[in-house]
């Protein structure tokens, strides 16, 4: 039972780390050097707020992707299980086993794909980058 708790805790921590937002990477040009890191961070926060106020959303959310992957895995598993069960003479049992194994596969796929850092939507990244450019910064990318 202890191993299950440890695995569950690890998965939850991985998922929560995926919720951390990404941000622009600024080139240390003369403007950045003159205002310093603290002011640059405040300007980034301001530009992110402006983007959200304009309707640009940072991302679709990792939880929705996990749920979609789980449902897709269950559907694919049920279909393949039904086909395998029909061949062996037990389509009902085959589809039940296939759905369960497909759902587990989809859940794990969703959890591990959520652990990767999410990239912001293109509209959001463009808005924030343009805002920072107008303030005098040079955005080299996002991470």
C-alpha atoms as a PDB file:
ATOM      1  CA  UNK A   1       0.000   0.000   0.000  1.00  0.00           C
ATOM      2  CA  UNK A   2       2.917   2.337   0.705  1.00  0.00           C
ATOM      3  CA  UNK A   3       4.205   1.930  -2.857  1.00  0.00           C
ATOM      4  CA  UNK A   4       0.830   2.994  -4.260  1.00  0.00           C
ATOM      5  CA  UNK A   5       0.851   6.150  -2.123  1.00  0.00           C
ATOM      6  CA  UNK A   6       4.386   6.987  -3.253  1.00  0.00           C
ATOM      7  CA  UNK A   7       3.538   6.470  -6.932  1.00  0.00           C
ATOM      8  CA  UNK A   8       0.362   8.533  -6.602  1.00  0.00           C
ATOM      9  CA  UNK A   9       2.263  11.343  -4.876  1.00  0.00           C
ATOM     10  CA  UNK A  10       4.896  11.297  -7.613  1.00  0.00           C
ATOM     11  CA  UNK A  11       2.278  11.492 -10.365  1.00  0.00           C
ATOM     12  CA  UNK A  12       0.484  14.377  -8.627  1.00  0.00           C
ATOM     13  CA  UNK A  13       3.760  16.295  -8.218  1.00  0.00           C
ATOM     14  CA  UNK A  14       4.605  15.726 -11.888  1.00  0.00           C
ATOM     15  CA  UNK A  15       1.175  16.973 -12.908  1.00  0.00           C
ATOM     16  CA  UNK A  16       1.401  20.046 -10.684  1.00  0.00           C
ATOM     17  CA  UNK A  17       4.809  20.940 -12.071  1.00  0.00           C
ATOM     18  CA  UNK A  18       3.241  20.920 -15.530  1.00  0.00           C
ATOM     19  CA  UNK A  19       0.857  23.643 -14.366  1.00  0.00           C
ATOM     20  CA  UNK A  20       3.710  26.103 -13.996  1.00  0.00           C
ATOM     21  CA  UNK A  21       3.412  28.683 -16.696  1.00  0.00           C
ATOM     22  CA  UNK A  22       6.030  29.370 -19.302  1.00  0.00           C
ATOM     23  CA  UNK A  23       7.467  32.778 -19.914  1.00  0.00           C
ATOM     24  CA  UNK A  24       9.431  34.790 -22.417  1.00  0.00           C
ATOM     25  CA  UNK A  25      13.214  34.697 -22.417  1.00  0.00           C
ATOM     26  CA  UNK A  26      14.620  38.203 -22.743  1.00  0.00           C
ATOM     27  CA  UNK A  27      17.883  39.062 -24.462  1.00  0.00           C
ATOM     28  CA  UNK A  28      19.995  41.270 -22.175  1.00  0.00           C
ATOM     29  CA  UNK A  29      19.977  44.311 -24.480  1.00  0.00           C
ATOM     30  CA  UNK A  30      20.714  47.828 -23.268  1.00  0.00           C
ATOM     31  CA  UNK A  31      17.104  48.429 -22.139  1.00  0.00           C
ATOM     32  CA  UNK A  32      17.044  45.231 -20.088  1.00  0.00           C
ATOM     33  CA  UNK A  33      20.398  46.076 -18.505  1.00  0.00           C
ATOM     34  CA  UNK A  34      19.276  49.610 -17.657  1.00  0.00           C
ATOM     35  CA  UNK A  35      16.009  48.571 -15.938  1.00  0.00           C
ATOM     36  CA  UNK A  36      17.225  45.343 -14.323  1.00  0.00           C
ATOM     37  CA  UNK A  37      15.645  41.956 -13.761  1.00  0.00           C
ATOM     38  CA  UNK A  38      13.021  43.051 -11.211  1.00  0.00           C
ATOM     39  CA  UNK A  39      11.508  45.714 -13.480  1.00  0.00           C
ATOM     40  CA  UNK A  40      11.668  43.299 -16.427  1.00  0.00           C
ATOM     41  CA  UNK A  41       9.680  40.714 -14.426  1.00  0.00           C
ATOM     42  CA  UNK A  42       7.072  43.380 -13.598  1.00  0.00           C
ATOM     43  CA  UNK A  43       6.839  44.305 -17.281  1.00  0.00           C
ATOM     44  CA  UNK A  44       6.393  40.633 -18.228  1.00  0.00           C
ATOM     45  CA  UNK A  45       3.575  40.297 -15.676  1.00  0.00           C
ATOM     46  CA  UNK A  46       1.953  43.475 -17.041  1.00  0.00           C
ATOM     47  CA  UNK A  47       2.153  42.213 -20.646  1.00  0.00           C
ATOM     48  CA  UNK A  48       0.719  38.815 -19.640  1.00  0.00           C
ATOM     49  CA  UNK A  49      -2.182  40.580 -17.915  1.00  0.00           C
ATOM     50  CA  UNK A  50      -2.764  42.721 -21.012  1.00  0.00           C
ATOM     51  CA  UNK A  51      -2.833  39.607 -23.212  1.00  0.00           C
ATOM     52  CA  UNK A  52      -5.408  37.923 -20.985  1.00  0.00           C
ATOM     53  CA  UNK A  53      -7.496  41.107 -20.840  1.00  0.00           C
ATOM     54  CA  UNK A  54      -7.513  41.155 -24.638  1.00  0.00           C
ATOM     55  CA  UNK A  55      -8.854  37.590 -24.695  1.00  0.00           C
ATOM     56  CA  UNK A  56      -5.674  35.619 -25.399  1.00  0.00           C
ATOM     57  CA  UNK A  57      -5.440  32.525 -23.211  1.00  0.00           C
ATOM     58  CA  UNK A  58      -2.107  31.100 -22.142  1.00  0.00           C
ATOM     59  CA  UNK A  59      -3.047  27.446 -22.751  1.00  0.00           C
ATOM     60  CA  UNK A  60      -5.852  24.933 -22.882  1.00  0.00           C
ATOM     61  CA  UNK A  61      -4.995  23.261 -19.578  1.00  0.00           C
ATOM     62  CA  UNK A  62      -3.330  19.964 -18.778  1.00  0.00           C
ATOM     63  CA  UNK A  63      -6.306  18.452 -16.920  1.00  0.00           C
ATOM     64  CA  UNK A  64      -8.489  18.593 -20.027  1.00  0.00           C
ATOM     65  CA  UNK A  65      -5.798  16.829 -22.053  1.00  0.00           C
ATOM     66  CA  UNK A  66      -5.522  14.043 -19.468  1.00  0.00           C
ATOM     67  CA  UNK A  67      -9.297  13.496 -19.536  1.00  0.00           C
ATOM     68  CA  UNK A  68      -9.388  13.506 -23.341  1.00  0.00           C
ATOM     69  CA  UNK A  69      -6.538  10.993 -23.554  1.00  0.00           C
ATOM     70  CA  UNK A  70      -8.264   8.722 -21.024  1.00  0.00           C
ATOM     71  CA  UNK A  71     -11.559   8.783 -22.932  1.00  0.00           C
ATOM     72  CA  UNK A  72      -9.817   8.228 -26.259  1.00  0.00           C
ATOM     73  CA  UNK A  73      -7.854   5.296 -24.793  1.00  0.00           C
ATOM     74  CA  UNK A  74     -11.039   3.716 -23.451  1.00  0.00           C
ATOM     75  CA  UNK A  75     -12.752   4.018 -26.836  1.00  0.00           C
ATOM     76  CA  UNK A  76      -9.834   2.584 -28.787  1.00  0.00           C
ATOM     77  CA  UNK A  77      -9.387  -0.177 -26.213  1.00  0.00           C
ATOM     78  CA  UNK A  78     -13.069  -1.118 -26.312  1.00  0.00           C
ATOM     79  CA  UNK A  79     -13.078  -1.285 -30.104  1.00  0.00           C
ATOM     80  CA  UNK A  80      -9.918  -3.363 -30.337  1.00  0.00           C
ATOM     81  CA  UNK A  81     -11.076  -5.581 -27.465  1.00  0.00           C
ATOM     82  CA  UNK A  82     -14.409  -6.191 -29.201  1.00  0.00           C
ATOM     83  CA  UNK A  83     -12.634  -7.181 -32.412  1.00  0.00           C
ATOM     84  CA  UNK A  84     -10.281  -9.493 -30.543  1.00  0.00           C
ATOM     85  CA  UNK A  85     -13.176 -10.903 -28.533  1.00  0.00           C
ATOM     86  CA  UNK A  86     -15.244 -11.506 -31.665  1.00  0.00           C
ATOM     87  CA  UNK A  87     -12.398 -13.496 -33.156  1.00  0.00           C
ATOM     88  CA  UNK A  88     -12.093 -15.650 -30.025  1.00  0.00           C
ATOM     89  CA  UNK A  89     -15.881 -15.872 -29.496  1.00  0.00           C
ATOM     90  CA  UNK A  90     -16.384 -13.461 -26.563  1.00  0.00           C
ATOM     91  CA  UNK A  91     -16.911  -9.923 -27.901  1.00  0.00           C
ATOM     92  CA  UNK A  92     -18.525  -8.593 -24.689  1.00  0.00           C
ATOM     93  CA  UNK A  93     -15.710  -9.675 -22.405  1.00  0.00           C
ATOM     94  CA  UNK A  94     -13.116  -8.578 -24.957  1.00  0.00           C
ATOM     95  CA  UNK A  95     -14.569  -5.088 -25.230  1.00  0.00           C
ATOM     96  CA  UNK A  96     -14.759  -4.762 -21.431  1.00  0.00           C
ATOM     97  CA  UNK A  97     -11.125  -5.781 -20.961  1.00  0.00           C
ATOM     98  CA  UNK A  98     -10.096  -3.603 -23.917  1.00  0.00           C
ATOM     99  CA  UNK A  99     -11.919  -0.564 -22.554  1.00  0.00           C
ATOM    100  CA  UNK A 100     -10.339  -0.941 -19.119  1.00  0.00           C
ATOM    101  CA  UNK A 101      -6.821  -1.426 -20.462  1.00  0.00           C
ATOM    102  CA  UNK A 102      -7.306   1.374 -23.011  1.00  0.00           C
ATOM    103  CA  UNK A 103      -8.499   3.763 -20.301  1.00  0.00           C
ATOM    104  CA  UNK A 104      -5.446   3.006 -18.167  1.00  0.00           C
ATOM    105  CA  UNK A 105      -3.173   3.480 -21.185  1.00  0.00           C
ATOM    106  CA  UNK A 106      -4.895   6.779 -22.044  1.00  0.00           C
ATOM    107  CA  UNK A 107      -4.681   8.004 -18.447  1.00  0.00           C
ATOM    108  CA  UNK A 108      -0.971   7.256 -18.217  1.00  0.00           C
ATOM    109  CA  UNK A 109      -0.353   8.816 -21.629  1.00  0.00           C
ATOM    110  CA  UNK A 110      -2.227  11.937 -20.557  1.00  0.00           C
ATOM    111  CA  UNK A 111      -0.390  12.216 -17.248  1.00  0.00           C
ATOM    112  CA  UNK A 112       3.035  11.863 -18.814  1.00  0.00           C
ATOM    113  CA  UNK A 113       2.224  14.244 -21.663  1.00  0.00           C
ATOM    114  CA  UNK A 114       0.993  16.762 -19.068  1.00  0.00           C
ATOM    115  CA  UNK A 115       4.373  16.522 -17.349  1.00  0.00           C
ATOM    116  CA  UNK A 116       5.994  18.206 -20.343  1.00  0.00           C
ATOM    117  CA  UNK A 117       6.090  21.988 -20.102  1.00  0.00           C
ATOM    118  CA  UNK A 118       3.108  23.426 -21.927  1.00  0.00           C
ATOM    119  CA  UNK A 119       3.821  26.003 -24.595  1.00  0.00           C
ATOM    120  CA  UNK A 120       1.592  29.076 -24.618  1.00  0.00           C
ATOM    121  CA  UNK A 121      -0.921  29.573 -27.393  1.00  0.00           C
ATOM    122  CA  UNK A 122       0.427  31.368 -30.434  1.00  0.00           C
ATOM    123  CA  UNK A 123      -1.864  34.396 -29.953  1.00  0.00           C
ATOM    124  CA  UNK A 124      -0.838  34.740 -26.298  1.00  0.00           C
ATOM    125  CA  UNK A 125       2.891  34.458 -27.026  1.00  0.00           C
ATOM    126  CA  UNK A 126       2.650  36.933 -29.912  1.00  0.00           C
ATOM    127  CA  UNK A 127       0.709  39.441 -27.793  1.00  0.00           C
ATOM    128  CA  UNK A 128       3.149  39.297 -24.877  1.00  0.00           C
ATOM    129  CA  UNK A 129       6.176  39.419 -27.187  1.00  0.00           C
ATOM    130  CA  UNK A 130       4.829  42.474 -29.023  1.00  0.00           C
ATOM    131  CA  UNK A 131       4.013  44.230 -25.752  1.00  0.00           C
ATOM    132  CA  UNK A 132       7.542  43.602 -24.498  1.00  0.00           C
ATOM    133  CA  UNK A 133       9.027  44.723 -27.817  1.00  0.00           C
ATOM    134  CA  UNK A 134       7.129  48.014 -27.555  1.00  0.00           C
ATOM    135  CA  UNK A 135       8.584  48.447 -24.045  1.00  0.00           C
ATOM    136  CA  UNK A 136      12.112  48.044 -25.435  1.00  0.00           C
ATOM    137  CA  UNK A 137      12.827  44.366 -24.702  1.00  0.00           C
ATOM    138  CA  UNK A 138      14.060  41.725 -27.153  1.00  0.00           C
ATOM    139  CA  UNK A 139      12.262  38.376 -26.713  1.00  0.00           C
ATOM    140  CA  UNK A 140      14.424  35.483 -27.891  1.00  0.00           C
ATOM    141  CA  UNK A 141      11.915  32.684 -27.188  1.00  0.00           C
ATOM    142  CA  UNK A 142       9.662  31.050 -24.585  1.00  0.00           C
ATOM    143  CA  UNK A 143      10.362  28.409 -21.945  1.00  0.00           C
END
